[in-house]
């Protein structure tokens, strides 16, 4: 869950309202593909509820399970390259989706949003890399779930913002 907190903790309330008003809810059933390896995706996703499996290619090997509050599609969003893995629902799942086109427009026209968004994504990806490194047997496993003290200030606010997103899209 803390992954989305990196993003929501660094955006301001107006940015969150903009995201809520410009995104939509996507419902997936067990076995539905959210992302197909090699096929361009046009959205950034946040898991609202349920569970997704990240799978590798033809072998369909499960790489990881992700749940509430996880961000999906961020690497393809940043690089504008097709994803290197597929993402499939392992149970009924709801995701928040916002189009690349709308995000790019907001990023181009709002420098504060742009700086905060990219800073948050870099923290998120750094945390993911640290966790992966620890899972491979390198690094310090005791530090896997630590959050930088500078980030803690925004965590409570980020949790509240995620609650607003959940509330908005539970009404849909």
C-alpha atoms as a PDB file:
ATOM      1  CA  UNK A   1       0.000   0.000   0.000  1.00  0.00           C
ATOM      2  CA  UNK A   2       2.807   2.440   0.724  1.00  0.00           C
ATOM      3  CA  UNK A   3       3.768   2.708  -2.959  1.00  0.00           C
ATOM      4  CA  UNK A   4       0.858   5.003  -3.819  1.00  0.00           C
ATOM      5  CA  UNK A   5       1.733   7.081  -0.765  1.00  0.00           C
ATOM      6  CA  UNK A   6       4.942   8.176  -2.483  1.00  0.00           C
ATOM      7  CA  UNK A   7       2.840   9.699  -5.250  1.00  0.00           C
ATOM      8  CA  UNK A   8      -0.087  11.067  -3.288  1.00  0.00           C
ATOM      9  CA  UNK A   9       2.101  12.453  -0.520  1.00  0.00           C
ATOM     10  CA  UNK A  10       3.955  14.721  -2.927  1.00  0.00           C
ATOM     11  CA  UNK A  11       1.033  16.106  -4.888  1.00  0.00           C
ATOM     12  CA  UNK A  12      -1.165  18.896  -3.580  1.00  0.00           C
ATOM     13  CA  UNK A  13      -4.918  18.741  -3.004  1.00  0.00           C
ATOM     14  CA  UNK A  14      -5.703  20.451  -6.317  1.00  0.00           C
ATOM     15  CA  UNK A  15      -3.640  17.837  -8.168  1.00  0.00           C
ATOM     16  CA  UNK A  16      -5.482  15.040  -6.384  1.00  0.00           C
ATOM     17  CA  UNK A  17      -8.848  16.601  -7.249  1.00  0.00           C
ATOM     18  CA  UNK A  18      -7.708  16.924 -10.867  1.00  0.00           C
ATOM     19  CA  UNK A  19      -6.701  13.248 -10.924  1.00  0.00           C
ATOM     20  CA  UNK A  20     -10.014  12.167  -9.382  1.00  0.00           C
ATOM     21  CA  UNK A  21     -11.985  14.204 -11.919  1.00  0.00           C
ATOM     22  CA  UNK A  22      -9.959  13.055 -14.927  1.00  0.00           C
ATOM     23  CA  UNK A  23      -9.480   9.367 -14.236  1.00  0.00           C
ATOM     24  CA  UNK A  24     -11.886   6.479 -14.252  1.00  0.00           C
ATOM     25  CA  UNK A  25     -12.448   3.122 -12.634  1.00  0.00           C
ATOM     26  CA  UNK A  26     -11.727  -0.099 -14.497  1.00  0.00           C
ATOM     27  CA  UNK A  27     -13.214  -3.373 -13.244  1.00  0.00           C
ATOM     28  CA  UNK A  28     -11.339  -6.611 -13.938  1.00  0.00           C
ATOM     29  CA  UNK A  29     -12.493 -10.170 -13.418  1.00  0.00           C
ATOM     30  CA  UNK A  30     -10.174 -13.037 -12.536  1.00  0.00           C
ATOM     31  CA  UNK A  31      -7.978 -13.758 -15.558  1.00  0.00           C
ATOM     32  CA  UNK A  32      -8.495 -10.385 -17.269  1.00  0.00           C
ATOM     33  CA  UNK A  33      -5.319  -8.772 -18.617  1.00  0.00           C
ATOM     34  CA  UNK A  34      -4.692  -5.200 -17.620  1.00  0.00           C
ATOM     35  CA  UNK A  35      -1.362  -5.052 -19.455  1.00  0.00           C
ATOM     36  CA  UNK A  36      -0.040  -7.294 -22.225  1.00  0.00           C
ATOM     37  CA  UNK A  37       3.723  -7.663 -22.677  1.00  0.00           C
ATOM     38  CA  UNK A  38       4.948  -5.767 -25.736  1.00  0.00           C
ATOM     39  CA  UNK A  39       1.697  -3.861 -26.327  1.00  0.00           C
ATOM     40  CA  UNK A  40       1.715  -0.119 -25.718  1.00  0.00           C
ATOM     41  CA  UNK A  41      -0.406   1.033 -22.817  1.00  0.00           C
ATOM     42  CA  UNK A  42      -2.044   4.426 -22.819  1.00  0.00           C
ATOM     43  CA  UNK A  43      -2.773   4.782 -19.102  1.00  0.00           C
ATOM     44  CA  UNK A  44      -1.261   4.847 -15.665  1.00  0.00           C
ATOM     45  CA  UNK A  45      -3.026   2.671 -13.078  1.00  0.00           C
ATOM     46  CA  UNK A  46      -3.458   2.539  -9.307  1.00  0.00           C
ATOM     47  CA  UNK A  47      -4.905  -0.634  -7.767  1.00  0.00           C
ATOM     48  CA  UNK A  48      -7.963   0.283  -5.704  1.00  0.00           C
ATOM     49  CA  UNK A  49      -8.891  -3.241  -4.599  1.00  0.00           C
ATOM     50  CA  UNK A  50      -8.157  -6.836  -5.514  1.00  0.00           C
ATOM     51  CA  UNK A  51      -4.925  -8.382  -6.687  1.00  0.00           C
ATOM     52  CA  UNK A  52      -2.871  -8.463  -9.863  1.00  0.00           C
ATOM     53  CA  UNK A  53      -0.113 -10.816 -10.922  1.00  0.00           C
ATOM     54  CA  UNK A  54       2.913  -9.624 -12.855  1.00  0.00           C
ATOM     55  CA  UNK A  55       3.846 -12.441 -15.211  1.00  0.00           C
ATOM     56  CA  UNK A  56       6.762 -13.013 -17.530  1.00  0.00           C
ATOM     57  CA  UNK A  57       6.216 -13.890 -21.181  1.00  0.00           C
ATOM     58  CA  UNK A  58       5.429 -17.261 -22.664  1.00  0.00           C
ATOM     59  CA  UNK A  59       6.202 -19.224 -19.501  1.00  0.00           C
ATOM     60  CA  UNK A  60       3.512 -17.245 -17.653  1.00  0.00           C
ATOM     61  CA  UNK A  61       5.837 -17.296 -14.627  1.00  0.00           C
ATOM     62  CA  UNK A  62       4.508 -15.218 -11.742  1.00  0.00           C
ATOM     63  CA  UNK A  63       7.076 -12.561 -10.850  1.00  0.00           C
ATOM     64  CA  UNK A  64       5.090 -10.701  -8.198  1.00  0.00           C
ATOM     65  CA  UNK A  65       1.644 -10.103  -6.767  1.00  0.00           C
ATOM     66  CA  UNK A  66       0.457  -6.559  -6.282  1.00  0.00           C
ATOM     67  CA  UNK A  67      -2.543  -5.215  -4.430  1.00  0.00           C
ATOM     68  CA  UNK A  68      -4.218  -2.101  -3.071  1.00  0.00           C
ATOM     69  CA  UNK A  69      -2.292   1.100  -3.469  1.00  0.00           C
ATOM     70  CA  UNK A  70       0.224  -0.190  -5.990  1.00  0.00           C
ATOM     71  CA  UNK A  71       1.001   1.808  -9.117  1.00  0.00           C
ATOM     72  CA  UNK A  72       1.037  -0.110 -12.401  1.00  0.00           C
ATOM     73  CA  UNK A  73       2.297   0.976 -15.810  1.00  0.00           C
ATOM     74  CA  UNK A  74       4.657   3.641 -14.489  1.00  0.00           C
ATOM     75  CA  UNK A  75       7.731   2.331 -16.325  1.00  0.00           C
ATOM     76  CA  UNK A  76       5.983   2.414 -19.688  1.00  0.00           C
ATOM     77  CA  UNK A  77       4.567   5.822 -18.805  1.00  0.00           C
ATOM     78  CA  UNK A  78       8.035   7.219 -18.086  1.00  0.00           C
ATOM     79  CA  UNK A  79       9.812   5.614 -21.027  1.00  0.00           C
ATOM     80  CA  UNK A  80       7.003   5.534 -23.593  1.00  0.00           C
ATOM     81  CA  UNK A  81       8.024   1.942 -24.319  1.00  0.00           C
ATOM     82  CA  UNK A  82       5.848  -1.159 -24.330  1.00  0.00           C
ATOM     83  CA  UNK A  83       5.812  -3.122 -21.076  1.00  0.00           C
ATOM     84  CA  UNK A  84       8.243  -5.996 -20.589  1.00  0.00           C
ATOM     85  CA  UNK A  85       5.722  -8.050 -18.582  1.00  0.00           C
ATOM     86  CA  UNK A  86       2.006  -8.773 -18.543  1.00  0.00           C
ATOM     87  CA  UNK A  87      -0.338  -7.954 -15.671  1.00  0.00           C
ATOM     88  CA  UNK A  88      -3.345 -10.188 -15.009  1.00  0.00           C
ATOM     89  CA  UNK A  89      -6.072 -10.051 -12.367  1.00  0.00           C
ATOM     90  CA  UNK A  90      -5.888 -12.985  -9.945  1.00  0.00           C
ATOM     91  CA  UNK A  91      -9.250 -12.011  -8.464  1.00  0.00           C
ATOM     92  CA  UNK A  92     -11.917  -9.389  -9.039  1.00  0.00           C
ATOM     93  CA  UNK A  93      -9.951  -6.145  -9.098  1.00  0.00           C
ATOM     94  CA  UNK A  94     -10.702  -2.437  -9.407  1.00  0.00           C
ATOM     95  CA  UNK A  95      -8.097  -0.027 -10.730  1.00  0.00           C
ATOM     96  CA  UNK A  96      -7.992   3.725 -11.132  1.00  0.00           C
ATOM     97  CA  UNK A  97      -6.916   4.626 -14.664  1.00  0.00           C
ATOM     98  CA  UNK A  98      -5.764   7.953 -16.041  1.00  0.00           C
ATOM     99  CA  UNK A  99      -4.767   8.411 -19.656  1.00  0.00           C
ATOM    100  CA  UNK A 100      -1.235   9.202 -20.761  1.00  0.00           C
ATOM    101  CA  UNK A 101      -2.633  12.026 -22.903  1.00  0.00           C
ATOM    102  CA  UNK A 102      -4.302  13.780 -19.965  1.00  0.00           C
ATOM    103  CA  UNK A 103      -1.286  13.250 -17.700  1.00  0.00           C
ATOM    104  CA  UNK A 104       1.125  14.576 -20.319  1.00  0.00           C
ATOM    105  CA  UNK A 105      -1.045  17.654 -20.813  1.00  0.00           C
ATOM    106  CA  UNK A 106      -1.108  18.325 -17.058  1.00  0.00           C
ATOM    107  CA  UNK A 107       2.656  17.731 -16.801  1.00  0.00           C
ATOM    108  CA  UNK A 108       3.337  20.130 -19.685  1.00  0.00           C
ATOM    109  CA  UNK A 109       1.118  22.886 -18.300  1.00  0.00           C
ATOM    110  CA  UNK A 110       1.800  22.692 -14.573  1.00  0.00           C
ATOM    111  CA  UNK A 111       5.456  22.768 -13.566  1.00  0.00           C
ATOM    112  CA  UNK A 112       4.755  22.206  -9.851  1.00  0.00           C
ATOM    113  CA  UNK A 113       2.721  19.100 -10.661  1.00  0.00           C
ATOM    114  CA  UNK A 114       5.468  17.934 -13.019  1.00  0.00           C
ATOM    115  CA  UNK A 115       8.228  18.327 -10.417  1.00  0.00           C
ATOM    116  CA  UNK A 116       6.190  16.663  -7.678  1.00  0.00           C
ATOM    117  CA  UNK A 117       4.994  13.827  -9.907  1.00  0.00           C
ATOM    118  CA  UNK A 118       8.437  12.906 -11.203  1.00  0.00           C
ATOM    119  CA  UNK A 119       9.997  13.202  -7.746  1.00  0.00           C
ATOM    120  CA  UNK A 120       7.328  10.880  -6.320  1.00  0.00           C
ATOM    121  CA  UNK A 121       7.761   8.358  -9.152  1.00  0.00           C
ATOM    122  CA  UNK A 122      11.538   8.381  -8.638  1.00  0.00           C
ATOM    123  CA  UNK A 123      11.063   7.636  -4.915  1.00  0.00           C
ATOM    124  CA  UNK A 124       8.603   4.873  -5.777  1.00  0.00           C
ATOM    125  CA  UNK A 125      10.979   3.270  -8.289  1.00  0.00           C
ATOM    126  CA  UNK A 126      13.942   3.617  -5.922  1.00  0.00           C
ATOM    127  CA  UNK A 127      11.952   1.826  -3.232  1.00  0.00           C
ATOM    128  CA  UNK A 128      10.963  -0.925  -5.667  1.00  0.00           C
ATOM    129  CA  UNK A 129      14.594  -1.404  -6.774  1.00  0.00           C
ATOM    130  CA  UNK A 130      15.757  -1.543  -3.147  1.00  0.00           C
ATOM    131  CA  UNK A 131      13.106  -4.182  -2.395  1.00  0.00           C
ATOM    132  CA  UNK A 132      14.085  -6.219  -5.469  1.00  0.00           C
ATOM    133  CA  UNK A 133      17.751  -6.006  -4.523  1.00  0.00           C
ATOM    134  CA  UNK A 134      16.913  -7.296  -1.046  1.00  0.00           C
ATOM    135  CA  UNK A 135      14.836 -10.151  -2.488  1.00  0.00           C
ATOM    136  CA  UNK A 136      17.818 -11.180  -4.616  1.00  0.00           C
ATOM    137  CA  UNK A 137      19.877 -11.518  -1.425  1.00  0.00           C
ATOM    138  CA  UNK A 138      21.734  -8.228  -1.580  1.00  0.00           C
ATOM    139  CA  UNK A 139      21.294  -5.194   0.583  1.00  0.00           C
ATOM    140  CA  UNK A 140      19.826  -5.165   4.065  1.00  0.00           C
ATOM    141  CA  UNK A 141      16.438  -6.921   4.451  1.00  0.00           C
ATOM    142  CA  UNK A 142      15.777  -5.123   7.761  1.00  0.00           C
ATOM    143  CA  UNK A 143      15.630  -1.853   5.826  1.00  0.00           C
ATOM    144  CA  UNK A 144      13.211  -3.104   3.156  1.00  0.00           C
ATOM    145  CA  UNK A 145      10.139  -1.386   4.584  1.00  0.00           C
ATOM    146  CA  UNK A 146      11.802   1.720   5.996  1.00  0.00           C
ATOM    147  CA  UNK A 147      10.625   5.068   4.699  1.00  0.00           C
ATOM    148  CA  UNK A 148      12.857   8.138   4.576  1.00  0.00           C
ATOM    149  CA  UNK A 149      11.977  10.573   7.380  1.00  0.00           C
ATOM    150  CA  UNK A 150      11.501  13.346   4.809  1.00  0.00           C
ATOM    151  CA  UNK A 151       8.714  11.314   3.225  1.00  0.00           C
ATOM    152  CA  UNK A 152       6.934  10.487   6.490  1.00  0.00           C
ATOM    153  CA  UNK A 153       5.522  14.011   6.759  1.00  0.00           C
ATOM    154  CA  UNK A 154       3.265  13.407   3.770  1.00  0.00           C
ATOM    155  CA  UNK A 155       2.236   9.816   4.556  1.00  0.00           C
ATOM    156  CA  UNK A 156      -0.822  10.625   6.696  1.00  0.00           C
ATOM    157  CA  UNK A 157      -2.011  13.155   4.152  1.00  0.00           C
ATOM    158  CA  UNK A 158      -1.358  10.660   1.343  1.00  0.00           C
ATOM    159  CA  UNK A 159      -3.434   8.022   3.131  1.00  0.00           C
ATOM    160  CA  UNK A 160      -6.296  10.488   3.395  1.00  0.00           C
ATOM    161  CA  UNK A 161      -5.972  11.306  -0.310  1.00  0.00           C
ATOM    162  CA  UNK A 162      -6.026   7.629  -1.264  1.00  0.00           C
ATOM    163  CA  UNK A 163      -9.183   7.344   0.842  1.00  0.00           C
ATOM    164  CA  UNK A 164     -10.738  10.158  -1.225  1.00  0.00           C
ATOM    165  CA  UNK A 165      -9.907   8.309  -4.428  1.00  0.00           C
ATOM    166  CA  UNK A 166     -11.376   5.080  -3.050  1.00  0.00           C
ATOM    167  CA  UNK A 167     -14.514   6.911  -1.911  1.00  0.00           C
ATOM    168  CA  UNK A 168     -14.994   8.616  -5.278  1.00  0.00           C
ATOM    169  CA  UNK A 169     -14.629   5.422  -7.282  1.00  0.00           C
ATOM    170  CA  UNK A 170     -16.677   3.251  -4.929  1.00  0.00           C
ATOM    171  CA  UNK A 171     -19.604   5.499  -5.846  1.00  0.00           C
ATOM    172  CA  UNK A 172     -19.147   4.837  -9.580  1.00  0.00           C
END
